[in-house]
């Protein structure tokens, strides 16, 4: 397990927010789960550029932070579904604002961000 070399500053909420959303696919995962894409295979299909391993690790981190919940159905074949917790739901206005900002500035950003 990862152990932090530099302690997380506790006096600034931005550090906590960045810690929770730090990861290339975490905002996308939260958005997809909020849009009722709940199964790991469906999440992987929604983000084909992401590897299965990275999505699994980021889902695990979101679960450890209490942002999403994982429900395991004991059946054959096994079935897993993710859902937002109440604290995860409270993040959705931030995710939605990030999405709107990206949409509103996509023309400019597509010119300045290398492909």
N, C-alpha and C. Protein backbone atom coordinates (compact mmCIF):
# COMPACT_ATOMS: atom_id res chain seq x y z
N UNK A 1 0.84 -1.19 0.00
CA UNK A 1 0.00 0.00 0.00
C UNK A 1 0.88 1.24 0.00
N UNK A 2 0.41 2.25 -0.63
CA UNK A 2 1.12 3.52 -0.74
C UNK A 2 1.17 4.22 0.61
N UNK A 3 2.34 4.72 0.96
CA UNK A 3 2.42 5.57 2.15
C UNK A 3 2.96 6.92 1.73
N UNK A 4 2.30 7.96 2.19
CA UNK A 4 2.59 9.33 1.80
C UNK A 4 3.92 9.78 2.40
N UNK A 5 4.79 10.35 1.55
CA UNK A 5 6.07 10.87 2.01
C UNK A 5 5.92 12.26 2.62
N UNK A 6 5.05 13.05 2.02
CA UNK A 6 4.78 14.40 2.51
C UNK A 6 3.34 14.41 3.01
N UNK A 7 3.11 14.78 4.27
CA UNK A 7 1.73 14.76 4.78
C UNK A 7 0.82 15.72 4.04
N UNK A 8 -0.43 15.33 3.93
CA UNK A 8 -1.45 16.15 3.29
C UNK A 8 -1.76 17.36 4.17
N UNK A 9 -1.64 18.57 3.63
CA UNK A 9 -1.98 19.75 4.44
C UNK A 9 -3.46 19.74 4.80
N UNK A 10 -3.77 19.84 6.07
CA UNK A 10 -5.15 19.73 6.52
C UNK A 10 -5.87 21.07 6.62
N UNK A 11 -5.16 22.18 6.34
CA UNK A 11 -5.78 23.49 6.51
C UNK A 11 -6.48 24.00 5.24
N UNK A 12 -6.42 23.25 4.15
CA UNK A 12 -6.99 23.74 2.89
C UNK A 12 -7.85 22.66 2.25
N UNK A 13 -9.12 23.00 2.01
CA UNK A 13 -10.04 22.06 1.39
C UNK A 13 -9.66 21.68 -0.02
N UNK A 14 -8.93 22.55 -0.71
CA UNK A 14 -8.52 22.26 -2.08
C UNK A 14 -7.62 21.03 -2.13
N UNK A 15 -6.80 20.85 -1.10
CA UNK A 15 -5.93 19.68 -1.06
C UNK A 15 -6.75 18.40 -0.96
N UNK A 16 -7.81 18.42 -0.16
CA UNK A 16 -8.66 17.24 -0.04
C UNK A 16 -9.38 16.96 -1.35
N UNK A 17 -9.91 18.00 -1.98
CA UNK A 17 -10.61 17.82 -3.25
C UNK A 17 -9.68 17.27 -4.31
N UNK A 18 -8.47 17.82 -4.39
CA UNK A 18 -7.49 17.35 -5.36
C UNK A 18 -7.11 15.89 -5.06
N UNK A 19 -6.97 15.55 -3.80
CA UNK A 19 -6.63 14.18 -3.42
C UNK A 19 -7.70 13.20 -3.89
N UNK A 20 -8.96 13.57 -3.73
CA UNK A 20 -10.05 12.68 -4.12
C UNK A 20 -10.15 12.58 -5.64
N UNK A 21 -9.98 13.69 -6.36
CA UNK A 21 -10.15 13.69 -7.82
C UNK A 21 -8.84 13.45 -8.57
N UNK A 22 -7.73 13.26 -7.85
CA UNK A 22 -6.44 13.07 -8.49
C UNK A 22 -6.39 11.71 -9.19
N UNK A 23 -6.38 11.73 -10.48
CA UNK A 23 -6.35 10.52 -11.29
C UNK A 23 -6.98 10.84 -12.63
N UNK A 24 -6.38 10.35 -13.67
CA UNK A 24 -6.83 10.70 -15.02
C UNK A 24 -8.31 10.36 -15.26
N UNK A 25 -8.78 9.26 -14.70
CA UNK A 25 -10.12 8.79 -15.04
C UNK A 25 -11.15 8.99 -13.94
N UNK A 26 -10.76 9.48 -12.77
CA UNK A 26 -11.71 9.59 -11.67
C UNK A 26 -12.91 10.49 -11.98
N UNK A 27 -12.70 11.70 -12.51
CA UNK A 27 -13.89 12.50 -12.85
C UNK A 27 -14.79 11.80 -13.87
N UNK A 28 -14.19 11.14 -14.85
CA UNK A 28 -14.97 10.42 -15.86
C UNK A 28 -15.74 9.27 -15.23
N UNK A 29 -15.10 8.55 -14.30
CA UNK A 29 -15.77 7.45 -13.61
C UNK A 29 -16.96 7.96 -12.81
N UNK A 30 -16.77 9.04 -12.09
CA UNK A 30 -17.86 9.59 -11.28
C UNK A 30 -19.01 10.04 -12.17
N UNK A 31 -18.68 10.70 -13.28
CA UNK A 31 -19.72 11.14 -14.20
C UNK A 31 -20.48 9.94 -14.76
N UNK A 32 -19.75 8.90 -15.17
CA UNK A 32 -20.39 7.71 -15.74
C UNK A 32 -21.28 7.02 -14.71
N UNK A 33 -20.80 6.89 -13.49
CA UNK A 33 -21.61 6.25 -12.44
C UNK A 33 -22.86 7.08 -12.16
N UNK A 34 -22.72 8.41 -12.19
CA UNK A 34 -23.89 9.26 -11.98
C UNK A 34 -24.88 9.14 -13.13
N UNK A 35 -24.41 8.75 -14.30
CA UNK A 35 -25.27 8.55 -15.47
C UNK A 35 -25.79 7.12 -15.56
N UNK A 36 -25.69 6.38 -14.46
CA UNK A 36 -26.24 5.03 -14.32
C UNK A 36 -25.43 3.96 -15.04
N UNK A 37 -24.15 4.21 -15.28
CA UNK A 37 -23.26 3.17 -15.80
C UNK A 37 -22.58 2.61 -14.56
N UNK A 38 -22.98 1.42 -14.14
CA UNK A 38 -22.60 0.93 -12.82
C UNK A 38 -21.69 -0.30 -12.83
N UNK A 39 -21.69 -1.07 -13.89
CA UNK A 39 -20.90 -2.30 -13.93
C UNK A 39 -19.50 -2.03 -14.45
N UNK A 40 -18.49 -2.72 -13.91
CA UNK A 40 -17.10 -2.48 -14.35
C UNK A 40 -16.92 -2.65 -15.86
N UNK A 41 -17.54 -3.65 -16.45
CA UNK A 41 -17.38 -3.86 -17.90
C UNK A 41 -18.00 -2.70 -18.69
N UNK A 42 -19.11 -2.16 -18.20
CA UNK A 42 -19.74 -1.02 -18.87
C UNK A 42 -18.89 0.24 -18.73
N UNK A 43 -18.28 0.41 -17.55
CA UNK A 43 -17.38 1.55 -17.35
C UNK A 43 -16.18 1.46 -18.28
N UNK A 44 -15.65 0.26 -18.45
CA UNK A 44 -14.52 0.06 -19.35
C UNK A 44 -14.91 0.35 -20.79
N UNK A 45 -16.11 -0.04 -21.19
CA UNK A 45 -16.60 0.26 -22.54
C UNK A 45 -16.80 1.75 -22.73
N UNK A 46 -17.22 2.45 -21.68
CA UNK A 46 -17.45 3.89 -21.77
C UNK A 46 -16.14 4.66 -21.90
N UNK A 47 -15.03 4.05 -21.45
CA UNK A 47 -13.70 4.69 -21.49
C UNK A 47 -12.69 3.73 -22.13
N UNK A 48 -12.80 3.50 -23.44
CA UNK A 48 -11.95 2.49 -24.08
C UNK A 48 -10.46 2.83 -24.05
N UNK A 49 -10.12 4.11 -23.86
CA UNK A 49 -8.70 4.48 -23.82
C UNK A 49 -8.04 4.05 -22.51
N UNK A 50 -8.83 3.82 -21.49
CA UNK A 50 -8.30 3.45 -20.16
C UNK A 50 -8.07 1.95 -20.10
N UNK A 51 -7.05 1.57 -19.35
CA UNK A 51 -6.80 0.14 -19.17
C UNK A 51 -7.66 -0.38 -18.02
N UNK A 52 -7.93 -1.66 -18.06
CA UNK A 52 -8.73 -2.30 -17.02
C UNK A 52 -8.07 -2.13 -15.65
N UNK A 53 -6.76 -2.26 -15.60
CA UNK A 53 -6.02 -2.15 -14.35
C UNK A 53 -6.15 -0.75 -13.74
N UNK A 54 -5.98 0.29 -14.56
CA UNK A 54 -6.06 1.66 -14.07
C UNK A 54 -7.47 1.96 -13.58
N UNK A 55 -8.49 1.55 -14.34
CA UNK A 55 -9.86 1.79 -13.89
C UNK A 55 -10.12 1.09 -12.56
N UNK A 56 -9.64 -0.14 -12.44
CA UNK A 56 -9.83 -0.89 -11.19
C UNK A 56 -9.17 -0.16 -10.02
N UNK A 57 -7.93 0.31 -10.22
CA UNK A 57 -7.22 1.02 -9.15
C UNK A 57 -7.93 2.31 -8.76
N UNK A 58 -8.41 3.05 -9.74
CA UNK A 58 -9.06 4.31 -9.44
C UNK A 58 -10.44 4.09 -8.81
N UNK A 59 -11.15 3.06 -9.22
CA UNK A 59 -12.41 2.70 -8.56
C UNK A 59 -12.14 2.32 -7.10
N UNK A 60 -11.08 1.57 -6.88
CA UNK A 60 -10.72 1.16 -5.52
C UNK A 60 -10.40 2.37 -4.65
N UNK A 61 -9.65 3.34 -5.20
CA UNK A 61 -9.33 4.56 -4.44
C UNK A 61 -10.59 5.37 -4.13
N UNK A 62 -11.48 5.48 -5.10
CA UNK A 62 -12.73 6.21 -4.85
C UNK A 62 -13.56 5.51 -3.77
N UNK A 63 -13.53 4.19 -3.78
CA UNK A 63 -14.24 3.43 -2.75
C UNK A 63 -13.59 3.63 -1.38
N UNK A 64 -12.25 3.62 -1.33
CA UNK A 64 -11.54 3.83 -0.07
C UNK A 64 -11.79 5.23 0.49
N UNK A 65 -11.98 6.22 -0.39
CA UNK A 65 -12.27 7.58 0.05
C UNK A 65 -13.74 7.77 0.41
N UNK A 66 -14.56 6.75 0.20
CA UNK A 66 -15.97 6.85 0.55
C UNK A 66 -16.81 7.60 -0.47
N UNK A 67 -16.29 7.76 -1.68
CA UNK A 67 -16.99 8.51 -2.73
C UNK A 67 -17.98 7.61 -3.47
N UNK A 68 -17.61 6.35 -3.64
CA UNK A 68 -18.50 5.38 -4.28
C UNK A 68 -18.65 4.17 -3.37
N UNK A 69 -19.74 3.46 -3.58
CA UNK A 69 -19.97 2.21 -2.88
C UNK A 69 -19.93 1.07 -3.88
N UNK A 70 -19.54 -0.09 -3.41
CA UNK A 70 -19.43 -1.27 -4.27
C UNK A 70 -20.38 -2.33 -3.72
N UNK A 71 -21.26 -2.82 -4.56
CA UNK A 71 -22.18 -3.87 -4.16
C UNK A 71 -21.83 -5.13 -4.94
N UNK A 72 -21.57 -6.20 -4.21
CA UNK A 72 -21.23 -7.48 -4.82
C UNK A 72 -22.44 -8.39 -4.69
N UNK A 73 -22.92 -8.87 -5.83
CA UNK A 73 -24.02 -9.83 -5.85
C UNK A 73 -23.41 -11.23 -5.87
N UNK A 74 -23.77 -12.03 -4.90
CA UNK A 74 -23.22 -13.39 -4.80
C UNK A 74 -24.05 -14.32 -5.68
N UNK A 75 -23.60 -14.43 -6.91
CA UNK A 75 -24.25 -15.26 -7.91
C UNK A 75 -23.17 -15.73 -8.88
N UNK A 76 -23.54 -16.61 -9.76
CA UNK A 76 -22.61 -17.06 -10.79
C UNK A 76 -23.16 -16.64 -12.14
N UNK A 77 -22.42 -15.94 -12.95
CA UNK A 77 -21.12 -15.34 -12.65
C UNK A 77 -21.28 -14.18 -11.66
N UNK A 78 -20.21 -13.86 -10.93
CA UNK A 78 -20.30 -12.77 -9.95
C UNK A 78 -20.66 -11.45 -10.63
N UNK A 79 -21.39 -10.64 -9.91
CA UNK A 79 -21.83 -9.35 -10.44
C UNK A 79 -21.45 -8.26 -9.44
N UNK A 80 -20.89 -7.16 -9.95
CA UNK A 80 -20.49 -6.02 -9.13
C UNK A 80 -21.13 -4.77 -9.72
N UNK A 81 -21.62 -3.90 -8.84
CA UNK A 81 -22.14 -2.61 -9.27
C UNK A 81 -21.62 -1.53 -8.35
N UNK A 82 -21.32 -0.38 -8.94
CA UNK A 82 -20.86 0.78 -8.18
C UNK A 82 -21.97 1.82 -8.14
N UNK A 83 -21.99 2.59 -7.06
CA UNK A 83 -22.95 3.68 -6.94
C UNK A 83 -22.29 4.81 -6.15
N UNK A 84 -22.82 6.00 -6.32
CA UNK A 84 -22.31 7.15 -5.59
C UNK A 84 -22.85 7.13 -4.16
N UNK A 85 -22.00 7.44 -3.21
CA UNK A 85 -22.43 7.62 -1.84
C UNK A 85 -22.96 9.05 -1.71
N UNK A 86 -23.55 9.40 -0.58
CA UNK A 86 -24.01 10.79 -0.43
C UNK A 86 -22.87 11.81 -0.61
N UNK A 87 -21.69 11.49 -0.11
CA UNK A 87 -20.57 12.43 -0.30
C UNK A 87 -20.14 12.46 -1.77
N UNK A 88 -20.26 11.33 -2.45
CA UNK A 88 -19.99 11.30 -3.89
C UNK A 88 -20.99 12.12 -4.67
N UNK A 89 -22.27 12.05 -4.25
CA UNK A 89 -23.30 12.88 -4.89
C UNK A 89 -22.98 14.36 -4.73
N UNK A 90 -22.39 14.72 -3.57
CA UNK A 90 -22.08 16.14 -3.34
C UNK A 90 -20.95 16.63 -4.23
N UNK A 91 -20.18 15.71 -4.83
CA UNK A 91 -19.12 16.08 -5.77
C UNK A 91 -19.65 16.38 -7.17
N UNK A 92 -20.84 15.92 -7.47
CA UNK A 92 -21.34 16.02 -8.85
C UNK A 92 -21.49 17.45 -9.36
N UNK A 93 -21.85 18.44 -8.54
CA UNK A 93 -21.86 19.81 -9.08
C UNK A 93 -20.46 20.25 -9.54
N UNK A 94 -19.42 19.78 -8.87
CA UNK A 94 -18.05 20.12 -9.28
C UNK A 94 -17.72 19.44 -10.61
N UNK A 95 -18.06 18.17 -10.72
CA UNK A 95 -17.81 17.42 -11.96
C UNK A 95 -18.61 18.05 -13.11
N UNK A 96 -19.87 18.38 -12.85
CA UNK A 96 -20.70 19.00 -13.89
C UNK A 96 -20.13 20.35 -14.32
N UNK A 97 -19.64 21.14 -13.35
CA UNK A 97 -19.04 22.44 -13.69
C UNK A 97 -17.77 22.25 -14.52
N UNK A 98 -16.96 21.25 -14.19
CA UNK A 98 -15.76 20.96 -14.98
C UNK A 98 -16.15 20.56 -16.41
N UNK A 99 -17.19 19.77 -16.54
CA UNK A 99 -17.66 19.34 -17.85
C UNK A 99 -18.15 20.53 -18.67
N UNK A 100 -18.95 21.39 -18.06
CA UNK A 100 -19.45 22.58 -18.77
C UNK A 100 -18.30 23.49 -19.19
N UNK A 101 -17.34 23.71 -18.29
CA UNK A 101 -16.19 24.57 -18.60
C UNK A 101 -15.42 24.00 -19.79
N UNK A 102 -15.19 22.68 -19.80
CA UNK A 102 -14.50 22.06 -20.93
C UNK A 102 -15.26 22.21 -22.23
N UNK A 103 -16.59 22.03 -22.17
CA UNK A 103 -17.42 22.20 -23.37
C UNK A 103 -17.38 23.64 -23.87
N UNK A 104 -17.49 24.59 -22.94
CA UNK A 104 -17.52 26.01 -23.33
C UNK A 104 -16.20 26.49 -23.90
N UNK A 105 -15.10 25.87 -23.51
CA UNK A 105 -13.78 26.32 -23.94
C UNK A 105 -13.07 25.33 -24.87
N UNK A 106 -13.81 24.38 -25.39
CA UNK A 106 -13.19 23.32 -26.20
C UNK A 106 -12.53 23.85 -27.47
N UNK A 107 -13.12 24.87 -28.11
CA UNK A 107 -12.53 25.41 -29.34
C UNK A 107 -11.13 25.96 -29.06
N UNK A 108 -10.99 26.75 -28.01
CA UNK A 108 -9.70 27.32 -27.65
C UNK A 108 -8.74 26.23 -27.16
N UNK A 109 -9.22 25.38 -26.29
CA UNK A 109 -8.34 24.37 -25.69
C UNK A 109 -7.83 23.36 -26.71
N UNK A 110 -8.64 23.06 -27.71
CA UNK A 110 -8.18 22.10 -28.74
C UNK A 110 -7.01 22.66 -29.55
N UNK A 111 -6.86 23.99 -29.57
CA UNK A 111 -5.74 24.61 -30.27
C UNK A 111 -4.47 24.64 -29.42
N UNK A 112 -4.59 24.75 -28.11
CA UNK A 112 -3.41 24.95 -27.27
C UNK A 112 -2.95 23.68 -26.55
N UNK A 113 -3.78 22.66 -26.48
CA UNK A 113 -3.39 21.41 -25.83
C UNK A 113 -2.87 20.45 -26.90
N UNK A 114 -1.62 19.99 -26.75
CA UNK A 114 -1.07 19.07 -27.76
C UNK A 114 -1.87 17.78 -27.82
N UNK A 115 -1.98 17.27 -29.02
CA UNK A 115 -2.74 16.01 -29.22
C UNK A 115 -1.87 14.82 -29.06
